[in-house]
Amino acid sequence: MLVVLSLFALHGSALLRKQDPCAGCTEEHAIKYQKCTKEFGDPCQEMMTKTIEKKDYLGNKICKGQKEDKSCPKFDVNSGKECPDDWNGDPGMDWKTNMKWECEEVIETETVNVMSGGEGEKKDVPCCMVKTKHENCLKCTTLDCSHGTCSDFVNKKYYSERTLGEEPLDVKAEMKKEAAKKLMEEVAASNSQMIRMKELKRQKEIEEDQRIAAYLEEKAAREQAHQDELDRIAAEKEAETIRLRQQQEKASDKKSELDALRAKRAMEQYEREWRQKERAAIEKQKMQNKILHEARVQQKKEKERRLEHVAKAERNEFVRIVHVQREAEAVEVEKEDRLVCRSFRHMLGPLIVRQF
């Protein structure tokens, strides 16, 4: 009996320890919290996965297949193959695929975890629970236990078991001053580095814009020159065609008339054949429509015949079921009549005996 009571007491103590928010506030939990903070920072931070473009330490985008001289090769947007080094914007043709080149630089991307700013996945759920427990333990250290209102699990020295004693005020002030000075130097160095990086990035962007503008101007001039050459060649061909046509008209007027007559006859023959094909197509369509209509009528009749057959079968089944039910009811009525007759005989039997 004592063993059972002891087990119940231990179980109740464990249940109370589990339910008390101030239970488990030990140095081991503080060490576990510091490990989680070192590895994840804020483990309860909501995170999301995002794809971004890769950049170097200066903030410049990293292209695919970047060469040693920092130049970026271009790739065809259709096949993904690297474009020739001498490609200068002219569409050209790929002799293997017989398709035009459409080349552009490809920027490398990477997948990173960033703060979602809303719903997302926590960095680490177990460490988030450890952080929540740590915050509860810190709240427990601020409880007023002067009137014995705190439980036995409150650890007032949680997260301060190994705190050193306070140093003299002058030493602390000197340390704060040194720390502030060091922090200002680090901030100034960081700001100077950021300013240099921003200036380099801005200069890089200006140079890139200038290169793009020069390339666009060169491309426009090249396209204009190409178009002018095409226009000149077309004008020369047109003039040569007109000259040859005039010579042919002067040399063979009769041949032109014969050609026109042959062309007219060919057109008339073509129109006759076309009208015949149209009539044949219309006749074929009418015949197909007639066959389709007859098939639909036959299908409708067959469907009505099947429905009539099904209705007749259902009607016969219904009549059979009614007949069976009536026979069953007649048998039940006959059984009830027999039972009534037996009951009357049983009741009248003693009366007949008494009379005799």
Protein backbone atom coordinates (compact mmCIF):
# COMPACT_ATOMS: atom_id res chain seq x y z
CA MET A 1 0.00 0.00 0.00
CA LEU A 2 2.84 2.39 0.83
CA VAL A 3 4.50 1.59 -2.47
CA VAL A 4 1.32 2.44 -4.39
CA LEU A 5 0.94 5.74 -2.48
CA SER A 6 4.57 6.59 -3.16
CA LEU A 7 4.08 5.95 -6.88
CA PHE A 8 0.98 8.16 -6.92
CA ALA A 9 2.89 10.89 -5.09
CA LEU A 10 5.78 10.74 -7.56
CA HIS A 11 3.36 10.79 -10.52
CA GLY A 12 1.55 13.82 -9.10
CA SER A 13 4.84 15.61 -8.49
CA ALA A 14 5.98 14.91 -12.06
CA LEU A 15 2.63 16.13 -13.44
CA LEU A 16 2.88 19.33 -11.38
CA ARG A 17 6.46 19.84 -12.56
CA LYS A 18 5.33 19.34 -16.18
CA GLN A 19 2.47 21.82 -15.90
CA ASP A 20 4.40 24.50 -13.94
CA PRO A 21 5.83 27.06 -16.47
CA CYS A 22 8.73 27.76 -14.10
CA ALA A 23 9.84 24.13 -13.96
CA GLY A 24 13.00 23.07 -15.79
CA CYS A 25 14.69 26.50 -15.61
CA THR A 26 18.18 25.10 -15.12
CA GLU A 27 21.65 25.90 -16.34
CA GLU A 28 21.40 23.03 -18.87
CA HIS A 29 18.39 24.72 -20.47
CA ALA A 30 20.27 28.05 -20.58
CA ILE A 31 23.20 26.32 -22.38
CA LYS A 32 20.74 24.73 -24.82
CA TYR A 33 19.24 28.20 -25.49
CA GLN A 34 22.69 29.68 -26.16
CA LYS A 35 23.51 26.87 -28.64
CA CYS A 36 20.24 27.46 -30.50
CA THR A 37 20.86 31.22 -30.58
CA LYS A 38 24.41 30.68 -31.86
CA GLU A 39 23.23 28.39 -34.67
CA PHE A 40 19.92 30.01 -35.73
CA GLY A 41 19.81 33.50 -34.18
CA ASP A 42 16.06 33.84 -33.74
CA PRO A 43 14.78 30.28 -34.32
CA CYS A 44 11.15 31.47 -34.27
CA GLN A 45 11.66 33.80 -37.24
CA GLU A 46 9.25 32.99 -40.11
CA MET A 47 11.33 32.24 -43.22
CA MET A 48 10.58 31.62 -46.90
CA THR A 49 12.60 30.36 -49.89
CA LYS A 50 13.41 32.89 -52.63
CA THR A 51 15.42 32.72 -55.86
CA ILE A 52 17.75 35.71 -56.40
CA GLU A 53 20.54 36.64 -58.81
CA LYS A 54 24.10 35.93 -57.70
CA LYS A 55 26.34 38.97 -57.06
CA ASP A 56 30.01 39.42 -56.20
CA TYR A 57 31.43 41.38 -53.26
CA LEU A 58 31.00 44.64 -55.22
CA GLY A 59 27.32 43.98 -55.88
CA ASN A 60 27.79 43.15 -59.57
CA LYS A 61 25.75 40.34 -61.09
CA ILE A 62 27.59 37.08 -61.87
CA CYS A 63 26.87 35.75 -65.33
CA LYS A 64 26.90 32.13 -66.47
CA GLY A 65 30.27 30.92 -67.76
CA GLN A 66 32.07 34.13 -66.73
CA LYS A 67 35.59 34.19 -68.17
CA GLU A 68 38.87 35.21 -66.52
CA ASP A 69 38.69 38.69 -68.06
CA LYS A 70 35.26 39.18 -66.40
CA SER A 71 33.54 39.07 -69.80
CA CYS A 72 30.21 37.28 -70.06
CA PRO A 73 29.51 34.86 -72.93
CA LYS A 74 26.08 34.89 -74.53
CA PHE A 75 23.75 31.93 -74.95
CA ASP A 76 20.97 31.23 -77.43
CA VAL A 77 17.55 31.60 -75.77
CA ASN A 78 16.06 28.73 -77.82
CA SER A 79 18.70 25.99 -77.74
CA GLY A 80 20.73 27.13 -74.70
CA LYS A 81 24.00 26.76 -76.64
CA GLU A 82 26.80 29.30 -76.31
CA CYS A 83 26.77 31.80 -79.15
CA PRO A 84 29.84 32.34 -81.33
CA ASP A 85 32.43 34.82 -80.10
CA ASP A 86 32.06 36.90 -83.27
CA TRP A 87 28.28 37.28 -82.85
CA ASN A 88 27.53 41.02 -83.03
CA GLY A 89 23.74 41.23 -82.97
CA ASP A 90 23.16 39.95 -86.50
CA PRO A 91 20.50 37.18 -86.30
CA GLY A 92 22.49 34.77 -88.48
CA MET A 93 21.68 31.06 -88.70
CA ASP A 94 22.82 28.01 -86.73
CA TRP A 95 23.79 25.51 -89.46
CA LYS A 96 23.08 22.55 -87.11
CA THR A 97 19.54 23.49 -86.06
CA ASN A 98 18.76 25.80 -89.02
CA MET A 99 17.42 28.42 -86.57
CA LYS A 100 18.30 32.06 -86.06
CA TRP A 101 20.61 33.03 -83.23
CA GLU A 102 18.94 34.96 -80.40
CA CYS A 103 21.74 35.53 -77.94
CA GLU A 104 21.74 37.18 -74.53
CA GLU A 105 23.67 36.98 -71.27
CA VAL A 106 22.43 34.53 -68.61
CA ILE A 107 22.69 35.59 -64.95
CA GLU A 108 23.32 32.85 -62.39
CA THR A 109 20.73 32.45 -59.64
CA GLU A 110 20.70 30.90 -56.18
CA THR A 111 18.06 29.89 -53.67
CA VAL A 112 18.22 31.60 -50.24
CA ASN A 113 16.09 31.72 -47.13
CA VAL A 114 14.79 35.18 -46.26
CA MET A 115 12.35 36.61 -43.73
CA SER A 116 8.84 36.15 -45.04
CA GLY A 117 7.25 39.16 -43.32
CA GLY A 118 4.19 36.99 -42.70
CA GLU A 119 3.36 33.31 -42.59
CA GLY A 120 6.22 30.96 -43.37
CA GLU A 121 8.36 28.20 -41.91
CA LYS A 122 10.23 28.72 -38.65
CA LYS A 123 14.01 28.40 -38.77
CA ASP A 124 13.97 25.54 -36.27
CA VAL A 125 10.87 24.40 -34.36
CA PRO A 126 12.65 22.60 -31.45
CA CYS A 127 14.92 25.62 -30.84
CA CYS A 128 11.86 27.89 -31.07
CA MET A 129 10.32 25.90 -28.21
CA VAL A 130 13.60 26.25 -26.29
CA LYS A 131 13.51 30.04 -26.81
CA THR A 132 9.87 30.24 -25.63
CA LYS A 133 10.79 28.24 -22.52
CA HIS A 134 13.77 30.57 -21.93
CA GLU A 135 11.52 33.64 -22.07
CA ASN A 136 9.12 32.03 -19.60
CA CYS A 137 12.04 31.26 -17.26
CA LEU A 138 13.19 34.91 -17.43
CA LYS A 139 9.65 35.99 -16.48
CA CYS A 140 9.74 33.59 -13.55
CA THR A 141 12.91 35.27 -12.21
CA THR A 142 10.97 38.56 -11.89
CA LEU A 143 8.15 37.09 -9.77
CA ASP A 144 7.62 38.47 -6.25
CA CYS A 145 8.11 35.51 -3.93
CA SER A 146 8.32 37.49 -0.67
CA HIS A 147 4.94 36.16 0.55
CA GLY A 148 5.53 32.54 -0.40
CA THR A 149 3.31 32.72 -3.49
CA CYS A 150 5.88 31.12 -5.81
CA SER A 151 6.21 27.40 -6.42
CA ASP A 152 9.28 25.41 -5.48
CA PHE A 153 10.39 25.29 -9.10
CA VAL A 154 11.13 29.04 -9.41
CA ASN A 155 14.86 29.58 -9.99
CA LYS A 156 15.65 33.20 -9.17
CA LYS A 157 19.25 32.76 -10.37
CA TYR A 158 18.31 31.40 -13.79
CA TYR A 159 20.65 32.70 -16.51
CA SER A 160 22.75 34.48 -13.85
CA GLU A 161 24.31 31.60 -11.87
CA ARG A 162 27.81 32.51 -13.05
CA THR A 163 27.44 36.32 -13.16
CA LEU A 164 30.58 38.06 -11.87
CA GLY A 165 30.41 40.77 -9.26
CA GLU A 166 30.08 44.36 -10.36
CA GLU A 167 33.35 46.18 -10.98
CA PRO A 168 34.09 49.67 -9.65
CA LEU A 169 32.23 52.51 -11.31
CA ASP A 170 35.34 54.14 -12.74
CA VAL A 171 36.46 50.86 -14.37
CA LYS A 172 33.01 50.29 -15.81
CA ALA A 173 32.86 53.84 -17.17
CA GLU A 174 36.30 53.46 -18.75
CA MET A 175 35.28 50.14 -20.31
CA LYS A 176 32.09 51.70 -21.69
CA LYS A 177 34.08 54.61 -23.10
CA GLU A 178 36.58 52.27 -24.76
CA ALA A 179 33.79 50.11 -26.12
CA ALA A 180 31.96 53.18 -27.48
CA LYS A 181 35.17 54.47 -29.08
CA LYS A 182 35.88 51.09 -30.65
CA LEU A 183 32.29 50.85 -31.87
CA MET A 184 32.49 54.34 -33.46
CA GLU A 185 35.74 53.37 -35.20
CA GLU A 186 34.18 50.18 -36.52
CA VAL A 187 31.09 52.10 -37.69
CA ALA A 188 33.26 54.72 -39.40
CA ALA A 189 35.35 52.03 -41.12
CA SER A 190 32.21 50.19 -42.17
CA ASN A 191 30.64 53.40 -43.50
CA SER A 192 33.81 54.23 -45.42
CA GLN A 193 33.90 50.77 -46.93
CA MET A 194 30.21 50.98 -47.85
CA ILE A 195 30.75 54.39 -49.48
CA ARG A 196 33.64 52.98 -51.55
CA MET A 197 31.59 49.96 -52.55
CA LYS A 198 28.63 52.15 -53.54
CA GLU A 199 30.91 54.46 -55.54
CA LEU A 200 32.48 51.48 -57.34
CA LYS A 201 29.03 50.07 -58.01
CA ARG A 202 27.76 53.43 -59.31
CA GLN A 203 30.83 53.80 -61.56
CA LYS A 204 30.30 50.24 -62.80
CA GLU A 205 26.66 51.00 -63.61
CA ILE A 206 27.65 54.19 -65.46
CA GLU A 207 30.21 52.29 -67.53
CA GLU A 208 27.69 49.54 -68.23
CA ASP A 209 25.09 52.12 -69.34
CA GLN A 210 27.67 53.76 -71.59
CA ARG A 211 28.60 50.42 -73.15
CA ILE A 212 24.94 49.60 -73.71
CA ALA A 213 24.28 53.01 -75.27
CA ALA A 214 27.33 52.68 -77.54
CA TYR A 215 26.27 49.18 -78.54
CA LEU A 216 22.73 50.35 -79.31
CA GLU A 217 24.01 53.26 -81.39
CA GLU A 218 26.40 50.96 -83.27
CA LYS A 219 23.63 48.42 -83.81
CA ALA A 220 21.23 51.11 -85.10
CA ALA A 221 23.86 52.47 -87.49
CA ARG A 222 24.70 48.95 -88.71
CA GLU A 223 21.03 48.13 -89.25
CA GLN A 224 20.46 51.43 -91.06
CA ALA A 225 23.42 50.79 -93.37
CA HIS A 226 22.17 47.27 -94.02
CA GLN A 227 18.68 48.58 -94.81
CA ASP A 228 20.10 51.24 -97.13
CA GLU A 229 22.07 48.57 -99.00
CA LEU A 230 18.94 46.41 -99.30
CA ASP A 231 16.95 49.39 -100.61
CA ARG A 232 19.67 50.16 -103.18
CA ILE A 233 19.75 46.56 -104.40
CA ALA A 234 15.96 46.45 -104.59
CA ALA A 235 15.88 49.71 -106.57
CA GLU A 236 18.49 48.37 -108.99
CA LYS A 237 16.55 45.13 -109.44
CA GLU A 238 13.32 47.05 -110.03
CA ALA A 239 14.97 49.26 -112.62
CA GLU A 240 16.48 46.21 -114.37
CA THR A 241 13.09 44.48 -114.33
CA ILE A 242 11.38 47.51 -115.88
CA ARG A 243 14.06 47.72 -118.56
CA LEU A 244 13.74 44.03 -119.44
CA ARG A 245 9.96 44.25 -119.46
CA GLN A 246 10.06 47.17 -121.86
CA GLN A 247 12.41 45.29 -124.17
CA GLN A 248 10.19 42.22 -124.11
CA GLU A 249 7.08 44.29 -124.84
CA LYS A 250 8.76 45.91 -127.83
CA ALA A 251 10.20 42.61 -129.16
CA SER A 252 7.18 40.31 -128.81
CA ASP A 253 3.76 41.97 -128.72
CA LYS A 254 2.17 38.96 -130.42
CA LYS A 255 3.73 36.56 -127.95
CA SER A 256 2.35 38.62 -125.13
CA GLU A 257 -1.12 38.39 -126.64
CA LEU A 258 -0.78 34.62 -126.99
CA ASP A 259 0.45 34.36 -123.44
CA ALA A 260 -2.49 36.41 -122.26
CA LEU A 261 -4.88 34.19 -124.20
CA ARG A 262 -3.29 31.04 -122.78
CA ALA A 263 -3.47 32.52 -119.31
CA LYS A 264 -7.15 33.36 -119.81
CA ARG A 265 -7.92 29.84 -121.02
CA ALA A 266 -5.97 28.34 -118.15
CA MET A 267 -7.93 30.51 -115.72
CA GLU A 268 -11.22 29.45 -117.29
CA GLN A 269 -10.17 25.79 -117.14
CA TYR A 270 -9.17 26.24 -113.51
CA GLU A 271 -12.52 27.87 -112.70
CA ARG A 272 -14.42 25.02 -114.41
CA GLU A 273 -12.49 22.41 -112.48
CA TRP A 274 -13.01 24.34 -109.28
CA ARG A 275 -16.78 24.54 -109.83
CA GLN A 276 -16.90 20.83 -110.55
CA LYS A 277 -15.01 20.11 -107.33
CA GLU A 278 -17.38 22.36 -105.41
CA ARG A 279 -20.42 20.58 -106.85
CA ALA A 280 -18.90 17.19 -106.02
CA ALA A 281 -18.12 18.34 -102.48
CA ILE A 282 -21.69 19.63 -102.02
CA GLU A 283 -23.15 16.35 -103.33
CA LYS A 284 -20.86 14.37 -101.05
CA GLN A 285 -21.88 16.51 -98.06
CA LYS A 286 -25.58 16.04 -98.88
CA MET A 287 -25.10 12.27 -99.14
CA GLN A 288 -23.24 12.18 -95.81
CA ASN A 289 -25.97 14.27 -94.16
CA LYS A 290 -28.65 11.92 -95.56
CA ILE A 291 -26.82 8.83 -94.28
CA LEU A 292 -26.30 10.49 -90.92
CA HIS A 293 -30.00 11.44 -90.68
CA GLU A 294 -31.09 7.89 -91.55
CA ALA A 295 -28.68 6.48 -88.96
CA ARG A 296 -30.03 8.84 -86.31
CA VAL A 297 -33.64 7.87 -87.14
CA GLN A 298 -32.73 4.19 -86.95
CA GLN A 299 -30.91 4.77 -83.68
CA LYS A 300 -33.94 6.60 -82.27
CA LYS A 301 -36.29 3.74 -83.29
CA GLU A 302 -33.94 1.19 -81.76
CA LYS A 303 -33.78 3.20 -78.54
CA GLU A 304 -37.61 3.44 -78.39
CA ARG A 305 -37.88 -0.33 -79.02
CA ARG A 306 -35.44 -1.05 -76.20
CA LEU A 307 -37.26 1.30 -73.83
CA GLU A 308 -40.58 -0.37 -74.72
CA HIS A 309 -39.06 -3.79 -74.07
CA VAL A 310 -37.66 -2.65 -70.71
CA ALA A 311 -41.01 -1.09 -69.74
CA LYS A 312 -42.83 -4.28 -70.65
CA ALA A 313 -40.41 -6.38 -68.60
CA GLU A 314 -40.79 -4.03 -65.62
CA ARG A 315 -44.60 -4.19 -65.96
CA ASN A 316 -44.54 -8.01 -66.02
CA GLU A 317 -42.24 -8.04 -63.00
CA PHE A 318 -44.57 -5.66 -61.18
CA VAL A 319 -47.62 -7.90 -61.94
CA ARG A 320 -45.70 -10.96 -60.74
CA ILE A 321 -44.69 -9.24 -57.50
CA VAL A 322 -48.28 -8.12 -56.89
CA HIS A 323 -49.54 -11.67 -57.53
CA VAL A 324 -46.96 -13.12 -55.13
CA GLN A 325 -47.88 -10.53 -52.47
CA ARG A 326 -51.59 -11.36 -52.83
CA GLU A 327 -50.92 -15.08 -52.49
CA ALA A 328 -48.82 -14.38 -49.40
CA GLU A 329 -51.61 -12.22 -47.94
CA ALA A 330 -54.15 -15.05 -48.65
CA VAL A 331 -51.92 -17.54 -46.84
CA GLU A 332 -51.58 -15.14 -43.87
CA VAL A 333 -55.37 -14.63 -43.76
CA GLU A 334 -55.95 -18.41 -43.84
CA LYS A 335 -53.45 -18.85 -40.98
CA GLU A 336 -55.21 -16.17 -38.92
CA ASP A 337 -58.60 -17.87 -39.56
CA ARG A 338 -57.24 -21.19 -38.36
CA LEU A 339 -55.84 -19.57 -35.26
CA VAL A 340 -59.20 -17.93 -34.54
CA CYS A 341 -61.01 -21.24 -35.00
CA ARG A 342 -58.60 -22.98 -32.64
CA SER A 343 -59.09 -20.23 -30.08
CA PHE A 344 -62.88 -20.58 -30.22
CA ARG A 345 -62.64 -24.36 -29.89
CA HIS A 346 -60.38 -23.98 -26.89
CA MET A 347 -62.80 -21.55 -25.26
CA LEU A 348 -65.95 -23.54 -26.04
CA GLY A 349 -64.52 -26.97 -25.03
CA PRO A 350 -65.06 -26.59 -21.22
CA LEU A 351 -68.60 -25.27 -21.73
CA ILE A 352 -69.56 -28.31 -23.78
CA VAL A 353 -68.14 -30.66 -21.10
CA ARG A 354 -70.06 -28.89 -18.31
CA GLN A 355 -73.35 -29.22 -20.18
CA PHE A 356 -72.82 -32.95 -20.46
